[in-house]
Amino acid sequence: QVQLVESGGGLVQAGGSLRLSCAASGRTLSGYSMGWFRQAPGKDREFVAAIRWTSGTTYYADSVKGRFTVSRDNAKNMVYLQMNALKPEDTAVYYCAADRLHWTSLMVASYYGSWGQGTQVTVSA
């Protein structure tokens, strides 16, 4: 399994920006897909974005398209989620996830086998 540690969450005003980081360790990530999910109180965990480690192909939920950018640094084994134009409805615990997945499965949380502990993002109105 891959070990994942998120960082970078915090409190920000609406319209502001945050960058989340996810440090991966434990095995080579070649062939892996890295996902970002979020979970607000009382709601299911939802897909935010994903990136395929080898090709760099990215995928986004419609709710964040144009505002969030997922990227990776192969040399550092890091994945990032740059979040701009934040809205109060973006408030949630954000999780990094990893697994070897077909692109059709990237948006489904239950297919990921490795998860980080989560980092809180709070956007005030």
N, C-alpha and C. Protein backbone atom coordinates (compact mmCIF):
# COMPACT_ATOMS: atom_id res chain seq x y z
N GLN A 1 0.83 -1.19 0.00
CA GLN A 1 0.00 0.00 0.00
C GLN A 1 0.87 1.25 0.00
N VAL A 2 0.22 2.34 -0.39
CA VAL A 2 0.88 3.63 -0.40
C VAL A 2 0.48 4.38 0.86
N GLN A 3 1.45 5.02 1.52
CA GLN A 3 1.15 5.88 2.66
C GLN A 3 1.01 7.31 2.15
N LEU A 4 -0.04 7.98 2.63
CA LEU A 4 -0.36 9.33 2.15
C LEU A 4 -0.54 10.27 3.34
N VAL A 5 0.02 11.47 3.23
CA VAL A 5 -0.13 12.48 4.27
C VAL A 5 -0.48 13.81 3.61
N GLU A 6 -1.66 14.34 3.96
CA GLU A 6 -2.09 15.63 3.41
C GLU A 6 -1.66 16.77 4.32
N SER A 7 -1.54 17.94 3.73
CA SER A 7 -1.27 19.16 4.48
C SER A 7 -1.76 20.34 3.66
N GLY A 8 -1.84 21.50 4.32
CA GLY A 8 -2.17 22.73 3.61
C GLY A 8 -3.57 23.26 3.82
N GLY A 9 -4.39 22.54 4.58
CA GLY A 9 -5.73 23.04 4.84
C GLY A 9 -5.71 24.25 5.76
N GLY A 10 -6.88 24.85 5.91
CA GLY A 10 -6.97 26.01 6.79
C GLY A 10 -8.25 26.77 6.58
N LEU A 11 -8.27 27.97 7.15
CA LEU A 11 -9.44 28.86 7.06
C LEU A 11 -9.13 29.96 6.06
N VAL A 12 -10.05 30.19 5.13
CA VAL A 12 -9.84 31.22 4.11
C VAL A 12 -11.19 31.87 3.81
N GLN A 13 -11.15 33.12 3.40
CA GLN A 13 -12.37 33.82 3.02
C GLN A 13 -12.80 33.41 1.61
N ALA A 14 -14.08 33.54 1.36
CA ALA A 14 -14.60 33.26 0.03
C ALA A 14 -13.85 34.09 -1.01
N GLY A 15 -13.51 33.44 -2.12
CA GLY A 15 -12.73 34.09 -3.16
C GLY A 15 -11.24 33.88 -3.02
N GLY A 16 -10.81 33.36 -1.88
CA GLY A 16 -9.40 33.14 -1.63
C GLY A 16 -8.90 31.83 -2.22
N SER A 17 -7.63 31.53 -1.91
CA SER A 17 -6.97 30.35 -2.46
C SER A 17 -6.27 29.56 -1.37
N LEU A 18 -6.13 28.27 -1.61
CA LEU A 18 -5.33 27.39 -0.77
C LEU A 18 -4.69 26.35 -1.68
N ARG A 19 -3.54 25.84 -1.26
CA ARG A 19 -2.93 24.72 -1.97
C ARG A 19 -2.75 23.57 -1.00
N LEU A 20 -3.37 22.45 -1.32
CA LEU A 20 -3.21 21.24 -0.53
C LEU A 20 -2.09 20.40 -1.12
N SER A 21 -1.36 19.75 -0.22
CA SER A 21 -0.28 18.87 -0.63
C SER A 21 -0.55 17.46 -0.11
N CYS A 22 -0.08 16.49 -0.85
CA CYS A 22 -0.20 15.09 -0.45
C CYS A 22 1.15 14.42 -0.70
N ALA A 23 1.78 13.99 0.37
CA ALA A 23 3.07 13.31 0.28
C ALA A 23 2.84 11.80 0.25
N ALA A 24 3.37 11.15 -0.77
CA ALA A 24 3.18 9.71 -0.94
C ALA A 24 4.48 8.97 -0.68
N SER A 25 4.37 7.81 -0.06
CA SER A 25 5.55 6.99 0.21
C SER A 25 5.14 5.52 0.28
N GLY A 26 6.13 4.66 0.24
CA GLY A 26 5.87 3.24 0.43
C GLY A 26 6.10 2.38 -0.79
N ARG A 27 5.91 2.97 -1.97
CA ARG A 27 6.15 2.22 -3.19
C ARG A 27 6.16 3.17 -4.37
N THR A 28 6.66 2.66 -5.48
CA THR A 28 6.67 3.48 -6.68
C THR A 28 5.23 3.74 -7.14
N LEU A 29 5.00 4.95 -7.64
CA LEU A 29 3.66 5.34 -8.03
C LEU A 29 3.39 5.16 -9.52
N SER A 30 4.32 4.59 -10.22
CA SER A 30 4.12 4.33 -11.64
C SER A 30 2.87 3.47 -11.83
N GLY A 31 1.96 3.95 -12.68
CA GLY A 31 0.73 3.21 -12.92
C GLY A 31 -0.40 3.54 -11.96
N TYR A 32 -0.11 4.36 -10.98
CA TYR A 32 -1.14 4.73 -10.00
C TYR A 32 -1.95 5.93 -10.48
N SER A 33 -3.15 6.02 -9.93
CA SER A 33 -3.97 7.21 -10.05
C SER A 33 -4.10 7.82 -8.67
N MET A 34 -4.01 9.14 -8.61
CA MET A 34 -4.09 9.86 -7.34
C MET A 34 -5.35 10.70 -7.36
N GLY A 35 -6.17 10.52 -6.34
CA GLY A 35 -7.43 11.25 -6.30
C GLY A 35 -7.52 12.18 -5.11
N TRP A 36 -8.29 13.24 -5.29
CA TRP A 36 -8.67 14.12 -4.18
C TRP A 36 -10.19 14.00 -4.00
N PHE A 37 -10.58 13.76 -2.76
CA PHE A 37 -11.99 13.69 -2.40
C PHE A 37 -12.24 14.65 -1.25
N ARG A 38 -13.50 14.96 -1.01
CA ARG A 38 -13.85 15.79 0.14
C ARG A 38 -15.14 15.29 0.76
N GLN A 39 -15.25 15.59 2.05
CA GLN A 39 -16.43 15.16 2.79
C GLN A 39 -16.84 16.26 3.74
N ALA A 40 -18.05 16.78 3.53
CA ALA A 40 -18.62 17.79 4.41
C ALA A 40 -19.47 17.08 5.47
N PRO A 41 -19.69 17.72 6.60
CA PRO A 41 -20.49 17.11 7.67
C PRO A 41 -21.86 16.67 7.16
N GLY A 42 -22.22 15.42 7.45
CA GLY A 42 -23.52 14.91 7.06
C GLY A 42 -23.66 14.53 5.60
N LYS A 43 -22.57 14.61 4.85
CA LYS A 43 -22.62 14.29 3.42
C LYS A 43 -21.67 13.14 3.08
N ASP A 44 -21.91 12.53 1.94
CA ASP A 44 -21.03 11.47 1.47
C ASP A 44 -19.71 12.06 0.97
N ARG A 45 -18.70 11.21 0.95
CA ARG A 45 -17.42 11.63 0.38
C ARG A 45 -17.60 11.79 -1.12
N GLU A 46 -17.14 12.91 -1.65
CA GLU A 46 -17.34 13.17 -3.07
C GLU A 46 -16.02 13.41 -3.80
N PHE A 47 -16.01 13.03 -5.05
CA PHE A 47 -14.85 13.21 -5.90
C PHE A 47 -14.61 14.68 -6.19
N VAL A 48 -13.35 15.08 -6.16
CA VAL A 48 -12.96 16.45 -6.49
C VAL A 48 -12.10 16.47 -7.76
N ALA A 49 -11.02 15.72 -7.74
CA ALA A 49 -10.09 15.72 -8.88
C ALA A 49 -9.21 14.49 -8.81
N ALA A 50 -8.60 14.16 -9.94
CA ALA A 50 -7.67 13.02 -9.97
C ALA A 50 -6.62 13.27 -11.05
N ILE A 51 -5.50 12.59 -10.88
CA ILE A 51 -4.43 12.68 -11.86
C ILE A 51 -3.79 11.31 -12.01
N ARG A 52 -3.52 10.94 -13.23
CA ARG A 52 -2.83 9.67 -13.48
C ARG A 52 -1.33 9.93 -13.39
N TRP A 53 -0.65 9.17 -12.52
CA TRP A 53 0.73 9.48 -12.17
C TRP A 53 1.66 9.48 -13.38
N THR A 54 1.50 8.48 -14.24
CA THR A 54 2.44 8.32 -15.35
C THR A 54 2.19 9.34 -16.46
N SER A 55 0.94 9.48 -16.86
CA SER A 55 0.64 10.34 -18.02
C SER A 55 0.38 11.79 -17.62
N GLY A 56 -0.03 12.02 -16.37
CA GLY A 56 -0.38 13.37 -15.94
C GLY A 56 -1.78 13.80 -16.36
N THR A 57 -2.55 12.90 -16.94
CA THR A 57 -3.92 13.23 -17.34
C THR A 57 -4.73 13.57 -16.10
N THR A 58 -5.53 14.63 -16.20
CA THR A 58 -6.29 15.11 -15.05
C THR A 58 -7.80 15.00 -15.28
N TYR A 59 -8.51 14.91 -14.19
CA TYR A 59 -9.97 14.78 -14.22
C TYR A 59 -10.52 15.66 -13.10
N TYR A 60 -11.67 16.26 -13.33
CA TYR A 60 -12.26 17.17 -12.34
C TYR A 60 -13.76 16.97 -12.22
N ALA A 61 -14.25 17.18 -10.99
CA ALA A 61 -15.70 17.28 -10.80
C ALA A 61 -16.17 18.58 -11.43
N ASP A 62 -17.40 18.58 -11.94
CA ASP A 62 -17.93 19.77 -12.57
C ASP A 62 -17.94 20.96 -11.60
N SER A 63 -18.14 20.69 -10.33
CA SER A 63 -18.27 21.75 -9.33
C SER A 63 -16.97 22.52 -9.10
N VAL A 64 -15.84 21.95 -9.49
CA VAL A 64 -14.54 22.62 -9.25
C VAL A 64 -13.80 22.93 -10.54
N LYS A 65 -14.33 22.49 -11.67
CA LYS A 65 -13.66 22.70 -12.95
C LYS A 65 -13.46 24.19 -13.19
N GLY A 66 -12.25 24.58 -13.56
CA GLY A 66 -11.94 25.98 -13.79
C GLY A 66 -11.47 26.72 -12.56
N ARG A 67 -11.65 26.12 -11.39
CA ARG A 67 -11.21 26.76 -10.13
C ARG A 67 -10.08 25.99 -9.46
N PHE A 68 -10.11 24.66 -9.56
CA PHE A 68 -9.11 23.80 -8.93
C PHE A 68 -8.20 23.20 -9.99
N THR A 69 -6.94 22.98 -9.59
CA THR A 69 -5.97 22.35 -10.47
C THR A 69 -5.21 21.28 -9.69
N VAL A 70 -5.18 20.08 -10.22
CA VAL A 70 -4.42 18.99 -9.61
C VAL A 70 -3.13 18.81 -10.41
N SER A 71 -2.05 18.58 -9.68
CA SER A 71 -0.75 18.38 -10.33
C SER A 71 0.09 17.43 -9.49
N ARG A 72 1.18 16.96 -10.08
CA ARG A 72 2.07 16.08 -9.30
C ARG A 72 3.52 16.41 -9.61
N ASP A 73 4.37 16.09 -8.66
CA ASP A 73 5.82 16.25 -8.79
C ASP A 73 6.40 14.85 -8.66
N ASN A 74 6.78 14.28 -9.80
CA ASN A 74 7.26 12.90 -9.80
C ASN A 74 8.51 12.73 -8.93
N ALA A 75 9.40 13.69 -8.98
CA ALA A 75 10.67 13.56 -8.26
C ALA A 75 10.46 13.57 -6.75
N LYS A 76 9.45 14.32 -6.29
CA LYS A 76 9.22 14.45 -4.85
C LYS A 76 8.12 13.52 -4.35
N ASN A 77 7.48 12.79 -5.24
CA ASN A 77 6.34 11.94 -4.87
C ASN A 77 5.25 12.75 -4.17
N MET A 78 4.94 13.90 -4.76
CA MET A 78 3.95 14.81 -4.18
C MET A 78 2.81 15.04 -5.16
N VAL A 79 1.62 15.19 -4.63
CA VAL A 79 0.45 15.58 -5.41
C VAL A 79 -0.11 16.85 -4.78
N TYR A 80 -0.56 17.75 -5.62
CA TYR A 80 -1.05 19.04 -5.14
C TYR A 80 -2.47 19.30 -5.65
N LEU A 81 -3.21 20.07 -4.86
CA LEU A 81 -4.52 20.55 -5.30
C LEU A 81 -4.54 22.06 -5.06
N GLN A 82 -4.40 22.81 -6.13
CA GLN A 82 -4.49 24.25 -6.04
C GLN A 82 -5.95 24.65 -6.15
N MET A 83 -6.43 25.35 -5.13
CA MET A 83 -7.84 25.72 -5.07
C MET A 83 -7.96 27.23 -5.10
N ASN A 84 -8.58 27.75 -6.14
CA ASN A 84 -8.79 29.18 -6.30
C ASN A 84 -10.28 29.51 -6.28
N ALA A 85 -10.59 30.76 -6.09
CA ALA A 85 -11.98 31.23 -6.09
C ALA A 85 -12.84 30.36 -5.19
N LEU A 86 -12.35 30.12 -3.98
CA LEU A 86 -13.03 29.22 -3.05
C LEU A 86 -14.39 29.77 -2.64
N LYS A 87 -15.32 28.85 -2.43
CA LYS A 87 -16.68 29.18 -2.04
C LYS A 87 -16.99 28.51 -0.70
N PRO A 88 -17.95 29.05 0.06
CA PRO A 88 -18.31 28.40 1.32
C PRO A 88 -18.70 26.93 1.14
N GLU A 89 -19.28 26.59 0.02
CA GLU A 89 -19.67 25.20 -0.22
C GLU A 89 -18.48 24.28 -0.48
N ASP A 90 -17.29 24.82 -0.59
CA ASP A 90 -16.08 24.00 -0.69
C ASP A 90 -15.59 23.53 0.69
N THR A 91 -16.22 24.02 1.74
CA THR A 91 -15.83 23.64 3.09
C THR A 91 -16.03 22.14 3.30
N ALA A 92 -14.96 21.47 3.72
CA ALA A 92 -15.00 20.01 3.90
C ALA A 92 -13.64 19.54 4.40
N VAL A 93 -13.59 18.29 4.78
CA VAL A 93 -12.30 17.62 4.99
C VAL A 93 -11.88 17.06 3.63
N TYR A 94 -10.67 17.37 3.23
CA TYR A 94 -10.15 16.93 1.94
C TYR A 94 -9.18 15.78 2.14
N TYR A 95 -9.36 14.73 1.32
CA TYR A 95 -8.57 13.53 1.42
C TYR A 95 -7.83 13.25 0.12
N CYS A 96 -6.63 12.76 0.26
CA CYS A 96 -5.86 12.26 -0.85
C CYS A 96 -5.99 10.74 -0.89
N ALA A 97 -6.08 10.16 -2.08
CA ALA A 97 -6.24 8.72 -2.22
C ALA A 97 -5.40 8.22 -3.39
N ALA A 98 -5.06 6.92 -3.34
CA ALA A 98 -4.21 6.35 -4.38
C ALA A 98 -4.59 4.91 -4.65
N ASP A 99 -4.50 4.52 -5.91
CA ASP A 99 -4.65 3.11 -6.28
C ASP A 99 -4.38 2.98 -7.78
N ARG A 100 -4.25 1.74 -8.21
CA ARG A 100 -4.13 1.46 -9.64
C ARG A 100 -5.55 1.27 -10.17
N LEU A 101 -6.01 2.24 -10.94
CA LEU A 101 -7.40 2.23 -11.38
C LEU A 101 -7.52 2.54 -12.86
N HIS A 102 -8.54 1.94 -13.47
CA HIS A 102 -8.92 2.35 -14.83
C HIS A 102 -9.55 3.73 -14.73
N TRP A 103 -9.45 4.49 -15.81
CA TRP A 103 -9.94 5.86 -15.75
C TRP A 103 -11.43 5.92 -15.45
N THR A 104 -12.17 4.88 -15.78
CA THR A 104 -13.62 4.87 -15.52
C THR A 104 -13.93 4.73 -14.03
N SER A 105 -12.92 4.39 -13.21
CA SER A 105 -13.15 4.18 -11.78
C SER A 105 -12.59 5.30 -10.92
N LEU A 106 -11.97 6.28 -11.53
CA LEU A 106 -11.25 7.29 -10.77
C LEU A 106 -12.13 8.11 -9.85
N MET A 107 -13.41 8.25 -10.18
CA MET A 107 -14.28 9.13 -9.42
C MET A 107 -15.02 8.41 -8.29
N VAL A 108 -14.72 7.14 -8.09
CA VAL A 108 -15.45 6.34 -7.10
C VAL A 108 -14.54 6.09 -5.91
N ALA A 109 -14.91 6.63 -4.76
CA ALA A 109 -14.06 6.55 -3.58
C ALA A 109 -13.78 5.12 -3.15
N SER A 110 -14.76 4.25 -3.27
CA SER A 110 -14.61 2.88 -2.76
C SER A 110 -13.57 2.06 -3.52
N TYR A 111 -13.14 2.52 -4.68
CA TYR A 111 -12.14 1.78 -5.45
C TYR A 111 -10.71 2.09 -5.00
N TYR A 112 -10.54 3.12 -4.21
CA TYR A 112 -9.20 3.49 -3.76
C TYR A 112 -8.83 2.73 -2.50
N GLY A 113 -7.64 2.18 -2.47
CA GLY A 113 -7.21 1.38 -1.33
C GLY A 113 -6.37 2.11 -0.32
N SER A 114 -5.78 3.23 -0.71
CA SER A 114 -4.91 3.99 0.19
C SER A 114 -5.48 5.40 0.36
N TRP A 115 -5.52 5.83 1.62
CA TRP A 115 -6.09 7.13 1.96
C TRP A 115 -5.20 7.85 2.96
N GLY A 116 -5.19 9.17 2.86
CA GLY A 116 -4.55 9.98 3.89
C GLY A 116 -5.53 10.24 5.02
N GLN A 117 -5.04 10.99 6.02
CA GLN A 117 -5.85 11.25 7.21
C GLN A 117 -6.83 12.40 7.02
N GLY A 118 -6.64 13.19 5.97
CA GLY A 118 -7.53 14.31 5.69
C GLY A 118 -7.01 15.62 6.24
N THR A 119 -7.41 16.70 5.60
CA THR A 119 -7.06 18.04 6.07
C THR A 119 -8.30 18.93 5.92
N GLN A 120 -8.58 19.72 6.94
CA GLN A 120 -9.80 20.54 6.97
C GLN A 120 -9.61 21.81 6.16
N VAL A 121 -10.58 22.09 5.30
CA VAL A 121 -10.65 23.35 4.57
C VAL A 121 -11.96 24.03 4.94
N THR A 122 -11.85 25.25 5.45
CA THR A 122 -13.03 26.01 5.84
C THR A 122 -13.03 27.34 5.09
N VAL A 123 -14.12 27.60 4.37
CA VAL A 123 -14.24 28.83 3.59
C VAL A 123 -15.36 29.66 4.20
N SER A 124 -15.01 30.83 4.69
CA SER A 124 -16.00 31.70 5.31
C SER A 124 -16.62 32.64 4.27
N ALA A 125 -17.88 32.97 4.51
CA ALA A 125 -18.60 33.83 3.55
C ALA A 125 -18.15 35.29 3.67
